[in-house]
Amino acid sequence: MPHIFDADVVSAILRHMNGDHTDDNLLIARAFSPAEGGEITGAVMTGLDGDGGTWEVTRGGELTELRVAWPSGAISERPAVRREVVALYDLACERLGVEPRPHG
């Protein structure tokens, strides 16, 4: 059973990801979604738990759900979420041949 973060924690993380990191959401969706089905034109992070994150992906006008496991495995602490999202971003850049920006 994955760790379930408090609703206010999840809400704050989703607000941050969907407000400040829309390009990162799109990059993660493009890197971890199946290749077939056309270009991904949108991605919104819709949830997370201790095992991974969930995105709603738009491709060809259709919405699908994408679930991506955290690269380092299961987590249970809020600070680990940032570490894992950054790791997903770095992996997405690597998969897509994109130069990652520095992390602050």
PDB file of N, CA and C in Angstrom:
ATOM      1  N   MET A   1       0.844  -1.183   0.000  1.00  0.00           N
ATOM      2  CA  MET A   1       0.000   0.000   0.000  1.00  0.00           C
ATOM      3  C   MET A   1       0.891   1.247   0.000  1.00  0.00           C
ATOM      4  N   PRO A   2       0.725   2.140  -0.988  1.00  0.00           N
ATOM      5  CA  PRO A   2       1.576   3.335  -1.032  1.00  0.00           C
ATOM      6  C   PRO A   2       1.241   4.299   0.102  1.00  0.00           C
ATOM      7  N   HIS A   3       2.224   5.092   0.468  1.00  0.00           N
ATOM      8  CA  HIS A   3       2.006   6.146   1.448  1.00  0.00           C
ATOM      9  C   HIS A   3       1.043   7.164   0.841  1.00  0.00           C
ATOM     10  N   ILE A   4       0.071   7.607   1.623  1.00  0.00           N
ATOM     11  CA  ILE A   4      -0.873   8.631   1.187  1.00  0.00           C
ATOM     12  C   ILE A   4      -0.536   9.921   1.932  1.00  0.00           C
ATOM     13  N   PHE A   5      -0.188  10.953   1.183  1.00  0.00           N
ATOM     14  CA  PHE A   5       0.128  12.251   1.772  1.00  0.00           C
ATOM     15  C   PHE A   5      -1.163  12.966   2.145  1.00  0.00           C
ATOM     16  N   ASP A   6      -1.097  13.846   3.152  1.00  0.00           N
ATOM     17  CA  ASP A   6      -2.257  14.634   3.548  1.00  0.00           C
ATOM     18  C   ASP A   6      -2.777  15.421   2.351  1.00  0.00           C
ATOM     19  N   ALA A   7      -4.091  15.623   2.308  1.00  0.00           N
ATOM     20  CA  ALA A   7      -4.728  16.314   1.184  1.00  0.00           C
ATOM     21  C   ALA A   7      -4.153  17.712   0.973  1.00  0.00           C
ATOM     22  N   ASP A   8      -3.835  18.432   2.074  1.00  0.00           N
ATOM     23  CA  ASP A   8      -3.295  19.788   1.914  1.00  0.00           C
ATOM     24  C   ASP A   8      -1.894  19.762   1.308  1.00  0.00           C
ATOM     25  N   VAL A   9      -1.117  18.723   1.597  1.00  0.00           N
ATOM     26  CA  VAL A   9       0.210  18.562   1.009  1.00  0.00           C
ATOM     27  C   VAL A   9       0.084  18.307  -0.486  1.00  0.00           C
ATOM     28  N   VAL A  10      -0.782  17.381  -0.855  1.00  0.00           N
ATOM     29  CA  VAL A  10      -0.993  17.057  -2.272  1.00  0.00           C
ATOM     30  C   VAL A  10      -1.492  18.295  -3.017  1.00  0.00           C
ATOM     31  N   SER A  11      -2.442  18.999  -2.433  1.00  0.00           N
ATOM     32  CA  SER A  11      -2.991  20.188  -3.071  1.00  0.00           C
ATOM     33  C   SER A  11      -1.909  21.240  -3.309  1.00  0.00           C
ATOM     34  N   ALA A  12      -1.050  21.458  -2.327  1.00  0.00           N
ATOM     35  CA  ALA A  12       0.027  22.450  -2.475  1.00  0.00           C
ATOM     36  C   ALA A  12       1.011  22.039  -3.566  1.00  0.00           C
ATOM     37  N   ILE A  13       1.360  20.766  -3.613  1.00  0.00           N
ATOM     38  CA  ILE A  13       2.298  20.283  -4.631  1.00  0.00           C
ATOM     39  C   ILE A  13       1.684  20.402  -6.018  1.00  0.00           C
ATOM     40  N   LEU A  14       0.426  20.011  -6.160  1.00  0.00           N
ATOM     41  CA  LEU A  14      -0.243  20.102  -7.465  1.00  0.00           C
ATOM     42  C   LEU A  14      -0.362  21.558  -7.911  1.00  0.00           C
ATOM     43  N   ARG A  15      -0.707  22.439  -6.987  1.00  0.00           N
ATOM     44  CA  ARG A  15      -0.809  23.870  -7.321  1.00  0.00           C
ATOM     45  C   ARG A  15       0.549  24.388  -7.813  1.00  0.00           C
ATOM     46  N   HIS A  16       1.619  23.989  -7.132  1.00  0.00           N
ATOM     47  CA  HIS A  16       2.960  24.414  -7.531  1.00  0.00           C
ATOM     48  C   HIS A  16       3.341  23.844  -8.901  1.00  0.00           C
ATOM     49  N   MET A  17       3.142  22.557  -9.091  1.00  0.00           N
ATOM     50  CA  MET A  17       3.514  21.922 -10.363  1.00  0.00           C
ATOM     51  C   MET A  17       2.706  22.490 -11.528  1.00  0.00           C
ATOM     52  N   ASN A  18       1.414  22.695 -11.318  1.00  0.00           N
ATOM     53  CA  ASN A  18       0.556  23.151 -12.411  1.00  0.00           C
ATOM     54  C   ASN A  18       0.585  24.665 -12.601  1.00  0.00           C
ATOM     55  N   GLY A  19       1.105  25.382 -11.604  1.00  0.00           N
ATOM     56  CA  GLY A  19       1.233  26.823 -11.725  1.00  0.00           C
ATOM     57  C   GLY A  19       2.611  27.261 -12.170  1.00  0.00           C
ATOM     58  N   ASP A  20       3.645  26.598 -11.643  1.00  0.00           N
ATOM     59  CA  ASP A  20       5.021  27.030 -11.893  1.00  0.00           C
ATOM     60  C   ASP A  20       5.816  26.114 -12.819  1.00  0.00           C
ATOM     61  N   HIS A  21       5.319  24.921 -13.069  1.00  0.00           N
ATOM     62  CA  HIS A  21       6.111  23.955 -13.831  1.00  0.00           C
ATOM     63  C   HIS A  21       5.306  23.287 -14.948  1.00  0.00           C
ATOM     64  N   THR A  22       4.526  24.072 -15.670  1.00  0.00           N
ATOM     65  CA  THR A  22       3.708  23.508 -16.747  1.00  0.00           C
ATOM     66  C   THR A  22       4.574  22.878 -17.834  1.00  0.00           C
ATOM     67  N   ASP A  23       5.701  23.499 -18.146  1.00  0.00           N
ATOM     68  CA  ASP A  23       6.597  22.937 -19.165  1.00  0.00           C
ATOM     69  C   ASP A  23       7.213  21.620 -18.689  1.00  0.00           C
ATOM     70  N   ASP A  24       7.508  21.533 -17.400  1.00  0.00           N
ATOM     71  CA  ASP A  24       8.062  20.290 -16.851  1.00  0.00           C
ATOM     72  C   ASP A  24       7.033  19.164 -16.918  1.00  0.00           C
ATOM     73  N   ASN A  25       5.769  19.493 -16.624  1.00  0.00           N
ATOM     74  CA  ASN A  25       4.703  18.484 -16.734  1.00  0.00           C
ATOM     75  C   ASN A  25       4.643  17.938 -18.159  1.00  0.00           C
ATOM     76  N   LEU A  26       4.695  18.827 -19.124  1.00  0.00           N
ATOM     77  CA  LEU A  26       4.634  18.426 -20.536  1.00  0.00           C
ATOM     78  C   LEU A  26       5.844  17.574 -20.917  1.00  0.00           C
ATOM     79  N   LEU A  27       7.014  17.970 -20.465  1.00  0.00           N
ATOM     80  CA  LEU A  27       8.231  17.221 -20.745  1.00  0.00           C
ATOM     81  C   LEU A  27       8.155  15.811 -20.155  1.00  0.00           C
ATOM     82  N   ILE A  28       7.706  15.695 -18.906  1.00  0.00           N
ATOM     83  CA  ILE A  28       7.566  14.391 -18.253  1.00  0.00           C
ATOM     84  C   ILE A  28       6.563  13.530 -19.011  1.00  0.00           C
ATOM     85  N   ALA A  29       5.432  14.125 -19.392  1.00  0.00           N
ATOM     86  CA  ALA A  29       4.414  13.368 -20.126  1.00  0.00           C
ATOM     87  C   ALA A  29       4.954  12.868 -21.462  1.00  0.00           C
ATOM     88  N   ARG A  30       5.662  13.705 -22.178  1.00  0.00           N
ATOM     89  CA  ARG A  30       6.215  13.295 -23.481  1.00  0.00           C
ATOM     90  C   ARG A  30       7.261  12.196 -23.328  1.00  0.00           C
ATOM     91  N   ALA A  31       8.036  12.244 -22.258  1.00  0.00           N
ATOM     92  CA  ALA A  31       9.096  11.255 -22.058  1.00  0.00           C
ATOM     93  C   ALA A  31       8.589   9.905 -21.571  1.00  0.00           C
ATOM     94  N   PHE A  32       7.522   9.885 -20.794  1.00  0.00           N
ATOM     95  CA  PHE A  32       7.089   8.644 -20.157  1.00  0.00           C
ATOM     96  C   PHE A  32       5.797   8.054 -20.723  1.00  0.00           C
ATOM     97  N   SER A  33       5.164   8.738 -21.657  1.00  0.00           N
ATOM     98  CA  SER A  33       3.956   8.203 -22.296  1.00  0.00           C
ATOM     99  C   SER A  33       4.332   7.277 -23.440  1.00  0.00           C
ATOM    100  N   PRO A  34       3.456   6.349 -23.785  1.00  0.00           N
ATOM    101  CA  PRO A  34       3.704   5.520 -24.968  1.00  0.00           C
ATOM    102  C   PRO A  34       3.879   6.413 -26.201  1.00  0.00           C
ATOM    103  N   ALA A  35       4.734   5.990 -27.111  1.00  0.00           N
ATOM    104  CA  ALA A  35       5.078   6.806 -28.284  1.00  0.00           C
ATOM    105  C   ALA A  35       3.918   6.965 -29.268  1.00  0.00           C
ATOM    106  N   GLU A  36       3.089   5.945 -29.387  1.00  0.00           N
ATOM    107  CA  GLU A  36       2.015   6.006 -30.388  1.00  0.00           C
ATOM    108  C   GLU A  36       0.881   6.922 -29.931  1.00  0.00           C
ATOM    109  N   GLY A  37       0.149   7.435 -30.890  1.00  0.00           N
ATOM    110  CA  GLY A  37      -1.019   8.228 -30.572  1.00  0.00           C
ATOM    111  C   GLY A  37      -0.927   9.692 -30.907  1.00  0.00           C
ATOM    112  N   GLY A  38       0.200  10.136 -31.426  1.00  0.00           N
ATOM    113  CA  GLY A  38       0.327  11.534 -31.822  1.00  0.00           C
ATOM    114  C   GLY A  38       1.007  12.387 -30.773  1.00  0.00           C
ATOM    115  N   GLU A  39       1.123  13.663 -31.099  1.00  0.00           N
ATOM    116  CA  GLU A  39       1.841  14.610 -30.245  1.00  0.00           C
ATOM    117  C   GLU A  39       1.061  14.913 -28.964  1.00  0.00           C
ATOM    118  N   ILE A  40       1.775  14.954 -27.864  1.00  0.00           N
ATOM    119  CA  ILE A  40       1.186  15.360 -26.587  1.00  0.00           C
ATOM    120  C   ILE A  40       1.203  16.874 -26.542  1.00  0.00           C
ATOM    121  N   THR A  41       0.021  17.459 -26.340  1.00  0.00           N
ATOM    122  CA  THR A  41      -0.104  18.916 -26.361  1.00  0.00           C
ATOM    123  C   THR A  41      -0.391  19.514 -24.990  1.00  0.00           C
ATOM    124  N   GLY A  42      -0.658  18.671 -24.007  1.00  0.00           N
ATOM    125  CA  GLY A  42      -0.934  19.184 -22.672  1.00  0.00           C
ATOM    126  C   GLY A  42      -0.713  18.125 -21.620  1.00  0.00           C
ATOM    127  N   ALA A  43      -0.369  18.571 -20.418  1.00  0.00           N
ATOM    128  CA  ALA A  43      -0.196  17.659 -19.285  1.00  0.00           C
ATOM    129  C   ALA A  43      -0.398  18.436 -17.995  1.00  0.00           C
ATOM    130  N   VAL A  44      -1.223  17.880 -17.125  1.00  0.00           N
ATOM    131  CA  VAL A  44      -1.517  18.479 -15.833  1.00  0.00           C
ATOM    132  C   VAL A  44      -1.305  17.412 -14.771  1.00  0.00           C
ATOM    133  N   MET A  45      -0.537  17.724 -13.751  1.00  0.00           N
ATOM    134  CA  MET A  45      -0.353  16.771 -12.656  1.00  0.00           C
ATOM    135  C   MET A  45      -1.643  16.743 -11.847  1.00  0.00           C
ATOM    136  N   THR A  46      -2.197  15.552 -11.671  1.00  0.00           N
ATOM    137  CA  THR A  46      -3.495  15.427 -10.998  1.00  0.00           C
ATOM    138  C   THR A  46      -3.424  14.701  -9.663  1.00  0.00           C
ATOM    139  N   GLY A  47      -2.305  14.073  -9.357  1.00  0.00           N
ATOM    140  CA  GLY A  47      -2.209  13.369  -8.088  1.00  0.00           C
ATOM    141  C   GLY A  47      -0.825  12.826  -7.838  1.00  0.00           C
ATOM    142  N   LEU A  48      -0.623  12.356  -6.620  1.00  0.00           N
ATOM    143  CA  LEU A  48       0.634  11.717  -6.247  1.00  0.00           C
ATOM    144  C   LEU A  48       0.418  10.953  -4.951  1.00  0.00           C
ATOM    145  N   ASP A  49       1.247   9.960  -4.782  1.00  0.00           N
ATOM    146  CA  ASP A  49       1.298   9.225  -3.525  1.00  0.00           C
ATOM    147  C   ASP A  49       2.733   8.761  -3.337  1.00  0.00           C
ATOM    148  N   GLY A  50       2.954   7.898  -2.393  1.00  0.00           N
ATOM    149  CA  GLY A  50       4.302   7.461  -2.105  1.00  0.00           C
ATOM    150  C   GLY A  50       4.956   6.643  -3.185  1.00  0.00           C
ATOM    151  N   ASP A  51       4.181   6.149  -4.140  1.00  0.00           N
ATOM    152  CA  ASP A  51       4.731   5.325  -5.213  1.00  0.00           C
ATOM    153  C   ASP A  51       4.997   6.077  -6.510  1.00  0.00           C
ATOM    154  N   GLY A  52       4.330   7.219  -6.720  1.00  0.00           N
ATOM    155  CA  GLY A  52       4.544   7.944  -7.961  1.00  0.00           C
ATOM    156  C   GLY A  52       3.574   9.084  -8.158  1.00  0.00           C
ATOM    157  N   GLY A  53       3.669   9.691  -9.340  1.00  0.00           N
ATOM    158  CA  GLY A  53       2.803  10.807  -9.698  1.00  0.00           C
ATOM    159  C   GLY A  53       1.868  10.428 -10.833  1.00  0.00           C
ATOM    160  N   THR A  54       0.779  11.199 -10.946  1.00  0.00           N
ATOM    161  CA  THR A  54      -0.230  10.965 -11.978  1.00  0.00           C
ATOM    162  C   THR A  54      -0.463  12.263 -12.744  1.00  0.00           C
ATOM    163  N   TRP A  55      -0.536  12.137 -14.061  1.00  0.00           N
ATOM    164  CA  TRP A  55      -0.784  13.285 -14.936  1.00  0.00           C
ATOM    165  C   TRP A  55      -1.956  12.980 -15.858  1.00  0.00           C
ATOM    166  N   GLU A  56      -2.730  14.011 -16.172  1.00  0.00           N
ATOM    167  CA  GLU A  56      -3.736  13.938 -17.218  1.00  0.00           C
ATOM    168  C   GLU A  56      -3.073  14.487 -18.470  1.00  0.00           C
ATOM    169  N   VAL A  57      -3.005  13.656 -19.498  1.00  0.00           N
ATOM    170  CA  VAL A  57      -2.266  13.978 -20.712  1.00  0.00           C
ATOM    171  C   VAL A  57      -3.250  14.199 -21.858  1.00  0.00           C
ATOM    172  N   THR A  58      -3.029  15.263 -22.623  1.00  0.00           N
ATOM    173  CA  THR A  58      -3.848  15.556 -23.805  1.00  0.00           C
ATOM    174  C   THR A  58      -3.042  15.226 -25.046  1.00  0.00           C
ATOM    175  N   ARG A  59      -3.648  14.381 -25.897  1.00  0.00           N
ATOM    176  CA  ARG A  59      -3.009  13.969 -27.146  1.00  0.00           C
ATOM    177  C   ARG A  59      -4.112  13.795 -28.181  1.00  0.00           C
ATOM    178  N   GLY A  60      -4.011  14.559 -29.260  1.00  0.00           N
ATOM    179  CA  GLY A  60      -5.018  14.461 -30.304  1.00  0.00           C
ATOM    180  C   GLY A  60      -6.424  14.767 -29.808  1.00  0.00           C
ATOM    181  N   GLY A  61      -6.520  15.685 -28.850  1.00  0.00           N
ATOM    182  CA  GLY A  61      -7.823  16.055 -28.309  1.00  0.00           C
ATOM    183  C   GLY A  61      -8.381  15.075 -27.295  1.00  0.00           C
ATOM    184  N   GLU A  62      -7.696  13.983 -27.054  1.00  0.00           N
ATOM    185  CA  GLU A  62      -8.136  12.962 -26.102  1.00  0.00           C
ATOM    186  C   GLU A  62      -7.349  13.075 -24.805  1.00  0.00           C
ATOM    187  N   LEU A  63      -8.028  12.825 -23.686  1.00  0.00           N
ATOM    188  CA  LEU A  63      -7.372  12.827 -22.379  1.00  0.00           C
ATOM    189  C   LEU A  63      -7.104  11.400 -21.936  1.00  0.00           C
ATOM    190  N   THR A  64      -5.900  11.171 -21.444  1.00  0.00           N
ATOM    191  CA  THR A  64      -5.547   9.880 -20.870  1.00  0.00           C
ATOM    192  C   THR A  64      -4.809  10.130 -19.565  1.00  0.00           C
ATOM    193  N   GLU A  65      -4.730   9.094 -18.748  1.00  0.00           N
ATOM    194  CA  GLU A  65      -4.004   9.204 -17.487  1.00  0.00           C
ATOM    195  C   GLU A  65      -2.642   8.543 -17.626  1.00  0.00           C
ATOM    196  N   LEU A  66      -1.647   9.202 -17.092  1.00  0.00           N
ATOM    197  CA  LEU A  66      -0.283   8.684 -17.086  1.00  0.00           C
ATOM    198  C   LEU A  66       0.160   8.550 -15.641  1.00  0.00           C
ATOM    199  N   ARG A  67       0.624   7.387 -15.284  1.00  0.00           N
ATOM    200  CA  ARG A  67       1.155   7.125 -13.942  1.00  0.00           C
ATOM    201  C   ARG A  67       2.649   6.840 -14.090  1.00  0.00           C
ATOM    202  N   VAL A  68       3.478   7.560 -13.333  1.00  0.00           N
ATOM    203  CA  VAL A  68       4.920   7.380 -13.402  1.00  0.00           C
ATOM    204  C   VAL A  68       5.440   7.125 -11.987  1.00  0.00           C
ATOM    205  N   ALA A  69       6.153   6.018 -11.826  1.00  0.00           N
ATOM    206  CA  ALA A  69       6.733   5.675 -10.524  1.00  0.00           C
ATOM    207  C   ALA A  69       7.895   6.605 -10.208  1.00  0.00           C
ATOM    208  N   TRP A  70       8.098   6.875  -8.916  1.00  0.00           N
ATOM    209  CA  TRP A  70       9.253   7.669  -8.496  1.00  0.00           C
ATOM    210  C   TRP A  70      10.528   6.915  -8.829  1.00  0.00           C
ATOM    211  N   PRO A  71      11.517   7.588  -9.388  1.00  0.00           N
ATOM    212  CA  PRO A  71      12.750   6.920  -9.812  1.00  0.00           C
ATOM    213  C   PRO A  71      13.496   6.182  -8.695  1.00  0.00           C
ATOM    214  N   SER A  72      13.467   6.723  -7.474  1.00  0.00           N
ATOM    215  CA  SER A  72      14.211   6.107  -6.368  1.00  0.00           C
ATOM    216  C   SER A  72      13.387   5.098  -5.584  1.00  0.00           C
ATOM    217  N   GLY A  73      12.152   4.869  -6.002  1.00  0.00           N
ATOM    218  CA  GLY A  73      11.289   3.935  -5.275  1.00  0.00           C
ATOM    219  C   GLY A  73      10.333   4.674  -4.361  1.00  0.00           C
ATOM    220  N   ALA A  74       9.664   3.927  -3.530  1.00  0.00           N
ATOM    221  CA  ALA A  74       8.615   4.467  -2.660  1.00  0.00           C
ATOM    222  C   ALA A  74       9.168   5.514  -1.693  1.00  0.00           C
ATOM    223  N   ILE A  75       8.340   6.536  -1.421  1.00  0.00           N
ATOM    224  CA  ILE A  75       8.694   7.609  -0.492  1.00  0.00           C
ATOM    225  C   ILE A  75       7.571   7.801   0.518  1.00  0.00           C
ATOM    226  N   SER A  76       7.883   8.471   1.622  1.00  0.00           N
ATOM    227  CA  SER A  76       6.855   8.732   2.628  1.00  0.00           C
ATOM    228  C   SER A  76       7.005  10.112   3.278  1.00  0.00           C
ATOM    229  N   GLU A  77       7.971  10.906   2.843  1.00  0.00           N
ATOM    230  CA  GLU A  77       8.203  12.231   3.411  1.00  0.00           C
ATOM    231  C   GLU A  77       8.015  13.299   2.340  1.00  0.00           C
ATOM    232  N   ARG A  78       7.382  14.403   2.727  1.00  0.00           N
ATOM    233  CA  ARG A  78       7.118  15.473   1.767  1.00  0.00           C
ATOM    234  C   ARG A  78       8.375  15.964   1.043  1.00  0.00           C
ATOM    235  N   PRO A  79       9.512  16.205   1.719  1.00  0.00           N
ATOM    236  CA  PRO A  79      10.695  16.690   0.992  1.00  0.00           C
ATOM    237  C   PRO A  79      11.160  15.737  -0.116  1.00  0.00           C
ATOM    238  N   ALA A  80      10.859  14.462   0.021  1.00  0.00           N
ATOM    239  CA  ALA A  80      11.259  13.493  -0.997  1.00  0.00           C
ATOM    240  C   ALA A  80      10.487  13.694  -2.300  1.00  0.00           C
ATOM    241  N   VAL A  81       9.313  14.300  -2.227  1.00  0.00           N
ATOM    242  CA  VAL A  81       8.528  14.535  -3.447  1.00  0.00           C
ATOM    243  C   VAL A  81       9.315  15.432  -4.387  1.00  0.00           C
ATOM    244  N   ARG A  82       9.871  16.512  -3.880  1.00  0.00           N
ATOM    245  CA  ARG A  82      10.646  17.419  -4.738  1.00  0.00           C
ATOM    246  C   ARG A  82      11.818  16.675  -5.370  1.00  0.00           C
ATOM    247  N   ARG A  83      12.528  15.916  -4.559  1.00  0.00           N
ATOM    248  CA  ARG A  83      13.680  15.157  -5.076  1.00  0.00           C
ATOM    249  C   ARG A  83      13.244  14.242  -6.218  1.00  0.00           C
ATOM    250  N   GLU A  84      12.129  13.568  -6.052  1.00  0.00           N
ATOM    251  CA  GLU A  84      11.668  12.614  -7.067  1.00  0.00           C
ATOM    252  C   GLU A  84      11.138  13.302  -8.313  1.00  0.00           C
ATOM    253  N   VAL A  85      10.448  14.420  -8.160  1.00  0.00           N
ATOM    254  CA  VAL A  85       9.976  15.162  -9.336  1.00  0.00           C
ATOM    255  C   VAL A  85      11.171  15.699 -10.123  1.00  0.00           C
ATOM    256  N   VAL A  86      12.177  16.204  -9.427  1.00  0.00           N
ATOM    257  CA  VAL A  86      13.390  16.673 -10.104  1.00  0.00           C
ATOM    258  C   VAL A  86      14.061  15.507 -10.832  1.00  0.00           C
ATOM    259  N   ALA A  87      14.104  14.338 -10.200  1.00  0.00           N
ATOM    260  CA  ALA A  87      14.690  13.157 -10.854  1.00  0.00           C
ATOM    261  C   ALA A  87      13.890  12.771 -12.096  1.00  0.00           C
ATOM    262  N   LEU A  88      12.549  12.856 -12.023  1.00  0.00           N
ATOM    263  CA  LEU A  88      11.721  12.575 -13.213  1.00  0.00           C
ATOM    264  C   LEU A  88      12.031  13.579 -14.325  1.00  0.00           C
ATOM    265  N   TYR A  89      12.141  14.832 -13.951  1.00  0.00           N
ATOM    266  CA  TYR A  89      12.474  15.864 -14.935  1.00  0.00           C
ATOM    267  C   TYR A  89      13.815  15.560 -15.599  1.00  0.00           C
ATOM    268  N   ASP A  90      14.828  15.240 -14.802  1.00  0.00           N
ATOM    269  CA  ASP A  90      16.153  14.931 -15.358  1.00  0.00           C
ATOM    270  C   ASP A  90      16.097  13.714 -16.280  1.00  0.00           C
ATOM    271  N   LEU A  91      15.368  12.675 -15.877  1.00  0.00           N
ATOM    272  CA  LEU A  91      15.217  11.487 -16.730  1.00  0.00           C
ATOM    273  C   LEU A  91      14.474  11.824 -18.015  1.00  0.00           C
ATOM    274  N   ALA A  92      13.455  12.676 -17.901  1.00  0.00           N
ATOM    275  CA  ALA A  92      12.707  13.095 -19.091  1.00  0.00           C
ATOM    276  C   ALA A  92      13.620  13.831 -20.060  1.00  0.00           C
ATOM    277  N   CYS A  93      14.439  14.734 -19.539  1.00  0.00           N
ATOM    278  CA  CYS A  93      15.388  15.454 -20.392  1.00  0.00           C
ATOM    279  C   CYS A  93      16.332  14.485 -21.086  1.00  0.00           C
ATOM    280  N   GLU A  94      16.839  13.526 -20.331  1.00  0.00           N
ATOM    281  CA  GLU A  94      17.751  12.531 -20.895  1.00  0.00           C
ATOM    282  C   GLU A  94      17.077  11.735 -22.004  1.00  0.00           C
ATOM    283  N   ARG A  95      15.858  11.274 -21.751  1.00  0.00           N
ATOM    284  CA  ARG A  95      15.133  10.470 -22.751  1.00  0.00           C
ATOM    285  C   ARG A  95      14.842  11.261 -24.019  1.00  0.00           C
ATOM    286  N   LEU A  96      14.574  12.558 -23.864  1.00  0.00           N
ATOM    287  CA  LEU A  96      14.183  13.380 -25.016  1.00  0.00           C
ATOM    288  C   LEU A  96      15.349  14.145 -25.626  1.00  0.00           C
ATOM    289  N   GLY A  97      16.539  14.031 -25.046  1.00  0.00           N
ATOM    290  CA  GLY A  97      17.692  14.739 -25.572  1.00  0.00           C
ATOM    291  C   GLY A  97      17.620  16.241 -25.364  1.00  0.00           C
ATOM    292  N   VAL A  98      17.040  16.639 -24.241  1.00  0.00           N
ATOM    293  CA  VAL A  98      16.888  18.056 -23.897  1.00  0.00           C
ATOM    294  C   VAL A  98      17.902  18.397 -22.806  1.00  0.00           C
ATOM    295  N   GLU A  99      18.538  19.548 -22.936  1.00  0.00           N
ATOM    296  CA  GLU A  99      19.478  19.991 -21.911  1.00  0.00           C
ATOM    297  C   GLU A  99      18.691  20.438 -20.676  1.00  0.00           C
ATOM    298  N   PRO A 100      18.898  19.793 -19.513  1.00  0.00           N
ATOM    299  CA  PRO A 100      18.138  20.197 -18.309  1.00  0.00           C
ATOM    300  C   PRO A 100      18.649  21.535 -17.786  1.00  0.00           C
ATOM    301  N   ARG A 101      17.749  22.285 -17.211  1.00  0.00           N
ATOM    302  CA  ARG A 101      18.156  23.535 -16.575  1.00  0.00           C
ATOM    303  C   ARG A 101      18.750  23.206 -15.204  1.00  0.00           C
ATOM    304  N   PRO A 102      19.555  24.091 -14.671  1.00  0.00           N
ATOM    305  CA  PRO A 102      20.121  23.863 -13.333  1.00  0.00           C
ATOM    306  C   PRO A 102      19.020  23.878 -12.275  1.00  0.00           C
ATOM    307  N   HIS A 103      19.204  23.117 -11.223  1.00  0.00           N
ATOM    308  CA  HIS A 103      18.242  23.067 -10.125  1.00  0.00           C
ATOM    309  C   HIS A 103      18.752  23.932  -8.986  1.00  0.00           C
ATOM    310  N   GLY A 104      17.851  24.753  -8.440  1.00  0.00           N
ATOM    311  CA  GLY A 104      18.256  25.664  -7.383  1.00  0.00           C
ATOM    312  C   GLY A 104      18.055  25.134  -6.012  1.00  0.00           C
TER     313      GLY A 104
END
